[in-house]
Amino acid sequence: MQYIIAGLGNPGEEYKNTRHNSGRIILEQFRKKNYFSDWKNNNKLKTLVSEGKIKKKKVLLVEPETFMNKSGASIALLVESKKGAESLIVIHDDLDLPLGSYKISFNRGSGGHRGVESIIRAIKTEGFVRIRVGISPTTPSGKLKKPKGEKLIDDFIVNEFKDKEMEIMKKVSKKLSEALEILVTEGREKAMSVFN
């Protein structure tokens, strides 16, 4: 069985360090840490791919080269069955979680995330692992300060992380690299009990 780990985001330099690209940011750190191959552009799959192994388990890292809300188009070319979906791990940004936090879940709805919605529609199942990465600011007391209204939300998610926020993301990346290794080698139950 091969694991597929997908980092969601938008292609192109102008989106590289934006909040909406959290999935790609986390995946890139993981790729470097685990000495996966360099990214190769697979036009047929509409995605960037990188191959490697974690403790003898084959892992394919993917970054869809479609825009976020069309992510399902390339994932569907890689995941051909409901059984296959169980070895899919999707990393994406989440406005309902504060910056610096994350949550691993399995077999859950999209929570309104368009990239995840697109994947669920394309592979016809919710039976895959999601790693939700928090991007929302908080008040000094820790209350979520989520932007309200479509325009404000759209502006917020395509804005770049500030330097201080990027430092927080690096710490999250480190934690999630460990979580991804456990997901692949010891399974989702173990990873959820350790990291949630």
C-alpha atoms as a PDB file:
ATOM      1  CA  MET A   1       0.000   0.000   0.000  1.00  0.00           C
ATOM      2  CA  GLN A   2       1.269   3.444  -0.901  1.00  0.00           C
ATOM      3  CA  TYR A   3       0.365   6.477   1.169  1.00  0.00           C
ATOM      4  CA  ILE A   4      -0.515   9.669  -0.661  1.00  0.00           C
ATOM      5  CA  ILE A   5       0.037  12.901   1.247  1.00  0.00           C
ATOM      6  CA  ALA A   6      -1.460  15.970  -0.432  1.00  0.00           C
ATOM      7  CA  GLY A   7      -0.674  19.546   0.557  1.00  0.00           C
ATOM      8  CA  LEU A   8      -3.437  21.842  -0.645  1.00  0.00           C
ATOM      9  CA  GLY A   9      -2.923  25.373  -1.898  1.00  0.00           C
ATOM     10  CA  ASN A  10      -2.785  27.455  -5.045  1.00  0.00           C
ATOM     11  CA  PRO A  11      -0.019  27.048  -7.641  1.00  0.00           C
ATOM     12  CA  GLY A  12       2.292  29.927  -8.533  1.00  0.00           C
ATOM     13  CA  GLU A  13       4.904  32.053  -6.767  1.00  0.00           C
ATOM     14  CA  GLU A  14       2.420  34.771  -5.753  1.00  0.00           C
ATOM     15  CA  TYR A  15       0.586  32.306  -3.473  1.00  0.00           C
ATOM     16  CA  LYS A  16       3.643  30.566  -2.046  1.00  0.00           C
ATOM     17  CA  ASN A  17       3.549  31.906   1.531  1.00  0.00           C
ATOM     18  CA  THR A  18      -0.144  32.703   1.825  1.00  0.00           C
ATOM     19  CA  ARG A  19      -2.383  31.347   4.569  1.00  0.00           C
ATOM     20  CA  HIS A  20      -4.392  29.357   2.029  1.00  0.00           C
ATOM     21  CA  ASN A  21      -1.184  27.496   1.144  1.00  0.00           C
ATOM     22  CA  SER A  22      -0.626  26.138   4.661  1.00  0.00           C
ATOM     23  CA  GLY A  23      -0.967  22.571   3.364  1.00  0.00           C
ATOM     24  CA  ARG A  24       1.818  23.096   0.859  1.00  0.00           C
ATOM     25  CA  ILE A  25       4.025  24.884   3.421  1.00  0.00           C
ATOM     26  CA  ILE A  26       3.727  21.955   5.865  1.00  0.00           C
ATOM     27  CA  LEU A  27       4.289  19.368   3.121  1.00  0.00           C
ATOM     28  CA  GLU A  28       7.413  21.142   1.867  1.00  0.00           C
ATOM     29  CA  GLN A  29       8.988  21.058   5.363  1.00  0.00           C
ATOM     30  CA  PHE A  30       8.126  17.364   5.644  1.00  0.00           C
ATOM     31  CA  ARG A  31       9.611  16.634   2.208  1.00  0.00           C
ATOM     32  CA  LYS A  32      12.918  18.282   3.138  1.00  0.00           C
ATOM     33  CA  LYS A  33      13.098  16.559   6.520  1.00  0.00           C
ATOM     34  CA  ASN A  34      12.556  13.092   5.084  1.00  0.00           C
ATOM     35  CA  TYR A  35      14.776  13.388   2.002  1.00  0.00           C
ATOM     36  CA  PHE A  36      12.109  12.782  -0.581  1.00  0.00           C
ATOM     37  CA  SER A  37      12.939  13.270  -4.245  1.00  0.00           C
ATOM     38  CA  ASP A  38      12.768  16.739  -5.800  1.00  0.00           C
ATOM     39  CA  TRP A  39       9.362  17.820  -7.075  1.00  0.00           C
ATOM     40  CA  LYS A  40       8.534  16.590 -10.561  1.00  0.00           C
ATOM     41  CA  ASN A  41       5.726  18.085 -12.593  1.00  0.00           C
ATOM     42  CA  ASN A  42       3.312  15.350 -13.663  1.00  0.00           C
ATOM     43  CA  ASN A  43       1.151  17.013 -16.320  1.00  0.00           C
ATOM     44  CA  LYS A  44      -1.027  13.938 -16.758  1.00  0.00           C
ATOM     45  CA  LEU A  45      -1.950  14.021 -13.051  1.00  0.00           C
ATOM     46  CA  LYS A  46      -2.044  17.871 -12.957  1.00  0.00           C
ATOM     47  CA  THR A  47       0.190  17.778  -9.901  1.00  0.00           C
ATOM     48  CA  LEU A  48       3.721  18.064  -8.537  1.00  0.00           C
ATOM     49  CA  VAL A  49       4.940  14.733  -7.155  1.00  0.00           C
ATOM     50  CA  SER A  50       7.787  13.652  -4.900  1.00  0.00           C
ATOM     51  CA  GLU A  51       8.512  10.042  -3.974  1.00  0.00           C
ATOM     52  CA  GLY A  52      10.120   8.486  -0.944  1.00  0.00           C
ATOM     53  CA  LYS A  53       9.843   5.976   1.881  1.00  0.00           C
ATOM     54  CA  ILE A  54       9.269   6.143   5.593  1.00  0.00           C
ATOM     55  CA  LYS A  55      10.503   2.974   7.319  1.00  0.00           C
ATOM     56  CA  LYS A  56      10.079   0.939   4.117  1.00  0.00           C
ATOM     57  CA  LYS A  57       6.537   2.275   3.489  1.00  0.00           C
ATOM     58  CA  LYS A  58       6.144   3.918   0.079  1.00  0.00           C
ATOM     59  CA  VAL A  59       4.888   7.490   0.211  1.00  0.00           C
ATOM     60  CA  LEU A  60       3.913   9.816  -2.609  1.00  0.00           C
ATOM     61  CA  LEU A  61       3.784  13.530  -1.820  1.00  0.00           C
ATOM     62  CA  VAL A  62       1.537  15.588  -4.078  1.00  0.00           C
ATOM     63  CA  GLU A  63       0.743  19.254  -4.584  1.00  0.00           C
ATOM     64  CA  PRO A  64      -2.179  19.692  -6.989  1.00  0.00           C
ATOM     65  CA  GLU A  65      -1.303  22.213  -9.698  1.00  0.00           C
ATOM     66  CA  THR A  66      -4.962  23.169  -9.980  1.00  0.00           C
ATOM     67  CA  PHE A  67      -6.424  26.019  -7.954  1.00  0.00           C
ATOM     68  CA  MET A  68      -7.658  25.111  -4.470  1.00  0.00           C
ATOM     69  CA  ASN A  69     -11.343  24.644  -5.315  1.00  0.00           C
ATOM     70  CA  LYS A  70     -10.408  22.206  -8.124  1.00  0.00           C
ATOM     71  CA  SER A  71      -8.052  20.055  -5.994  1.00  0.00           C
ATOM     72  CA  GLY A  72     -10.269  17.008  -6.481  1.00  0.00           C
ATOM     73  CA  ALA A  73      -9.470  16.846 -10.209  1.00  0.00           C
ATOM     74  CA  SER A  74      -5.876  15.734  -9.604  1.00  0.00           C
ATOM     75  CA  ILE A  75      -6.533  13.726  -6.415  1.00  0.00           C
ATOM     76  CA  ALA A  76      -9.165  11.635  -8.242  1.00  0.00           C
ATOM     77  CA  LEU A  77      -6.487  10.554 -10.739  1.00  0.00           C
ATOM     78  CA  LEU A  78      -4.440   9.117  -7.854  1.00  0.00           C
ATOM     79  CA  VAL A  79      -7.176   7.675  -5.627  1.00  0.00           C
ATOM     80  CA  GLU A  80      -9.293   5.245  -7.597  1.00  0.00           C
ATOM     81  CA  SER A  81     -11.342   3.527  -4.871  1.00  0.00           C
ATOM     82  CA  LYS A  82     -12.849   4.023  -1.421  1.00  0.00           C
ATOM     83  CA  LYS A  83     -10.266   1.570  -0.089  1.00  0.00           C
ATOM     84  CA  GLY A  84      -7.528   3.622  -1.741  1.00  0.00           C
ATOM     85  CA  ALA A  85      -8.875   6.782  -0.094  1.00  0.00           C
ATOM     86  CA  GLU A  86      -8.024   5.337   3.316  1.00  0.00           C
ATOM     87  CA  SER A  87      -4.325   5.825   2.567  1.00  0.00           C
ATOM     88  CA  LEU A  88      -4.867   9.460   1.518  1.00  0.00           C
ATOM     89  CA  ILE A  89      -3.789  12.244   3.891  1.00  0.00           C
ATOM     90  CA  VAL A  90      -4.846  15.796   2.991  1.00  0.00           C
ATOM     91  CA  ILE A  91      -3.243  18.804   4.706  1.00  0.00           C
ATOM     92  CA  HIS A  92      -5.096  22.124   4.474  1.00  0.00           C
ATOM     93  CA  ASP A  93      -5.680  25.495   6.145  1.00  0.00           C
ATOM     94  CA  ASP A  94      -8.589  25.930   8.570  1.00  0.00           C
ATOM     95  CA  LEU A  95     -10.180  29.228   9.615  1.00  0.00           C
ATOM     96  CA  ASP A  96     -11.976  27.580  12.558  1.00  0.00           C
ATOM     97  CA  LEU A  97      -8.687  26.845  14.323  1.00  0.00           C
ATOM     98  CA  PRO A  98      -6.264  29.393  15.796  1.00  0.00           C
ATOM     99  CA  LEU A  99      -2.828  29.877  14.220  1.00  0.00           C
ATOM    100  CA  GLY A 100      -0.384  27.437  15.788  1.00  0.00           C
ATOM    101  CA  SER A 101      -2.940  24.679  16.278  1.00  0.00           C
ATOM    102  CA  TYR A 102      -3.929  21.670  14.187  1.00  0.00           C
ATOM    103  CA  LYS A 103      -6.340  18.744  14.255  1.00  0.00           C
ATOM    104  CA  ILE A 104      -6.162  15.311  12.655  1.00  0.00           C
ATOM    105  CA  SER A 105      -9.491  13.804  11.645  1.00  0.00           C
ATOM    106  CA  PHE A 106     -10.807  10.909   9.569  1.00  0.00           C
ATOM    107  CA  ASN A 107     -14.056  10.413   7.651  1.00  0.00           C
ATOM    108  CA  ARG A 108     -15.374  13.914   8.298  1.00  0.00           C
ATOM    109  CA  GLY A 109     -17.227  16.485   6.149  1.00  0.00           C
ATOM    110  CA  SER A 110     -15.458  19.387   4.457  1.00  0.00           C
ATOM    111  CA  GLY A 111     -16.288  21.974   7.133  1.00  0.00           C
ATOM    112  CA  GLY A 112     -16.922  24.406   4.278  1.00  0.00           C
ATOM    113  CA  HIS A 113     -13.367  24.135   2.912  1.00  0.00           C
ATOM    114  CA  ARG A 114     -13.656  24.297  -0.881  1.00  0.00           C
ATOM    115  CA  GLY A 115     -10.522  22.283  -1.600  1.00  0.00           C
ATOM    116  CA  VAL A 116     -11.714  19.453   0.643  1.00  0.00           C
ATOM    117  CA  GLU A 117     -15.244  19.689  -0.812  1.00  0.00           C
ATOM    118  CA  SER A 118     -13.757  19.293  -4.278  1.00  0.00           C
ATOM    119  CA  ILE A 119     -11.840  16.158  -3.190  1.00  0.00           C
ATOM    120  CA  ILE A 120     -14.880  14.579  -1.494  1.00  0.00           C
ATOM    121  CA  ARG A 121     -16.952  15.178  -4.630  1.00  0.00           C
ATOM    122  CA  ALA A 122     -14.244  13.816  -6.931  1.00  0.00           C
ATOM    123  CA  ILE A 123     -13.385  10.625  -5.008  1.00  0.00           C
ATOM    124  CA  LYS A 124     -16.970  10.101  -3.724  1.00  0.00           C
ATOM    125  CA  THR A 125     -16.009   9.462  -0.100  1.00  0.00           C
ATOM    126  CA  GLU A 126     -15.116  11.318   3.111  1.00  0.00           C
ATOM    127  CA  GLY A 127     -13.085   8.299   4.237  1.00  0.00           C
ATOM    128  CA  PHE A 128      -9.617   9.868   4.227  1.00  0.00           C
ATOM    129  CA  VAL A 129      -7.389  11.567   6.803  1.00  0.00           C
ATOM    130  CA  ARG A 130      -7.396  15.339   7.040  1.00  0.00           C
ATOM    131  CA  ILE A 131      -4.879  17.467   8.859  1.00  0.00           C
ATOM    132  CA  ARG A 132      -6.487  20.842   9.509  1.00  0.00           C
ATOM    133  CA  VAL A 133      -3.953  23.618  10.126  1.00  0.00           C
ATOM    134  CA  GLY A 134      -5.170  26.660  12.049  1.00  0.00           C
ATOM    135  CA  ILE A 135      -4.660  30.073  10.428  1.00  0.00           C
ATOM    136  CA  SER A 136      -6.972  32.408  12.379  1.00  0.00           C
ATOM    137  CA  PRO A 137      -5.688  35.130  14.704  1.00  0.00           C
ATOM    138  CA  THR A 138      -6.740  35.219  18.355  1.00  0.00           C
ATOM    139  CA  THR A 139      -7.353  37.920  20.950  1.00  0.00           C
ATOM    140  CA  PRO A 140      -4.828  38.253  23.836  1.00  0.00           C
ATOM    141  CA  SER A 141      -7.170  36.058  25.913  1.00  0.00           C
ATOM    142  CA  GLY A 142      -7.055  33.337  23.224  1.00  0.00           C
ATOM    143  CA  LYS A 143     -10.479  33.904  21.652  1.00  0.00           C
ATOM    144  CA  LEU A 144     -10.698  33.235  17.896  1.00  0.00           C
ATOM    145  CA  LYS A 145     -10.738  36.410  15.737  1.00  0.00           C
ATOM    146  CA  LYS A 146     -11.961  34.900  12.496  1.00  0.00           C
ATOM    147  CA  PRO A 147     -12.639  37.351   9.631  1.00  0.00           C
ATOM    148  CA  LYS A 148     -16.337  37.655   8.776  1.00  0.00           C
ATOM    149  CA  GLY A 149     -17.944  37.988   5.336  1.00  0.00           C
ATOM    150  CA  GLU A 150     -16.813  36.401   2.088  1.00  0.00           C
ATOM    151  CA  LYS A 151     -14.710  39.337   0.846  1.00  0.00           C
ATOM    152  CA  LEU A 152     -12.779  39.680   4.136  1.00  0.00           C
ATOM    153  CA  ILE A 153     -12.247  35.923   4.340  1.00  0.00           C
ATOM    154  CA  ASP A 154     -11.026  35.738   0.716  1.00  0.00           C
ATOM    155  CA  ASP A 155      -8.607  38.646   1.296  1.00  0.00           C
ATOM    156  CA  PHE A 156      -7.348  37.140   4.550  1.00  0.00           C
ATOM    157  CA  ILE A 157      -6.591  33.671   3.201  1.00  0.00           C
ATOM    158  CA  VAL A 158      -4.686  34.864   0.120  1.00  0.00           C
ATOM    159  CA  ASN A 159      -2.541  37.261   2.165  1.00  0.00           C
ATOM    160  CA  GLU A 160       0.979  36.178   3.069  1.00  0.00           C
ATOM    161  CA  PHE A 161       1.860  35.095   6.576  1.00  0.00           C
ATOM    162  CA  LYS A 162       3.689  37.808   8.529  1.00  0.00           C
ATOM    163  CA  ASP A 163       7.227  36.914   9.667  1.00  0.00           C
ATOM    164  CA  LYS A 164       6.098  36.203  13.226  1.00  0.00           C
ATOM    165  CA  GLU A 165       3.275  33.983  11.942  1.00  0.00           C
ATOM    166  CA  MET A 166       5.714  32.121   9.686  1.00  0.00           C
ATOM    167  CA  GLU A 167       7.833  31.331  12.761  1.00  0.00           C
ATOM    168  CA  ILE A 168       4.739  29.756  14.357  1.00  0.00           C
ATOM    169  CA  MET A 169       4.082  27.811  11.141  1.00  0.00           C
ATOM    170  CA  LYS A 170       7.637  26.416  11.255  1.00  0.00           C
ATOM    171  CA  LYS A 171       6.969  25.037  14.743  1.00  0.00           C
ATOM    172  CA  VAL A 172       3.673  23.532  13.547  1.00  0.00           C
ATOM    173  CA  SER A 173       5.500  22.013  10.542  1.00  0.00           C
ATOM    174  CA  LYS A 174       7.949  20.300  12.875  1.00  0.00           C
ATOM    175  CA  LYS A 175       5.160  18.783  14.973  1.00  0.00           C
ATOM    176  CA  LEU A 176       3.177  17.724  11.918  1.00  0.00           C
ATOM    177  CA  SER A 177       6.227  16.094  10.326  1.00  0.00           C
ATOM    178  CA  GLU A 178       6.302  13.803  13.371  1.00  0.00           C
ATOM    179  CA  ALA A 179       2.535  13.261  13.092  1.00  0.00           C
ATOM    180  CA  LEU A 180       2.842  12.316   9.410  1.00  0.00           C
ATOM    181  CA  GLU A 181       5.551   9.767  10.192  1.00  0.00           C
ATOM    182  CA  ILE A 182       3.331   8.150  12.840  1.00  0.00           C
ATOM    183  CA  LEU A 183       0.317   8.229  10.498  1.00  0.00           C
ATOM    184  CA  VAL A 184       2.296   6.287   7.902  1.00  0.00           C
ATOM    185  CA  THR A 185       4.134   3.870  10.210  1.00  0.00           C
ATOM    186  CA  GLU A 186       1.654   3.284  13.061  1.00  0.00           C
ATOM    187  CA  GLY A 187      -1.718   4.301  11.636  1.00  0.00           C
ATOM    188  CA  ARG A 188      -4.291   7.044  12.113  1.00  0.00           C
ATOM    189  CA  GLU A 189      -5.634   5.914  15.522  1.00  0.00           C
ATOM    190  CA  LYS A 190      -2.185   6.207  17.064  1.00  0.00           C
ATOM    191  CA  ALA A 191      -1.478   9.556  15.377  1.00  0.00           C
ATOM    192  CA  MET A 192      -4.819  11.002  16.522  1.00  0.00           C
ATOM    193  CA  SER A 193      -4.304   9.847  20.106  1.00  0.00           C
ATOM    194  CA  VAL A 194      -0.805  11.339  20.262  1.00  0.00           C
ATOM    195  CA  PHE A 195      -1.327  14.599  18.360  1.00  0.00           C
ATOM    196  CA  ASN A 196      -4.960  15.682  18.910  1.00  0.00           C
END
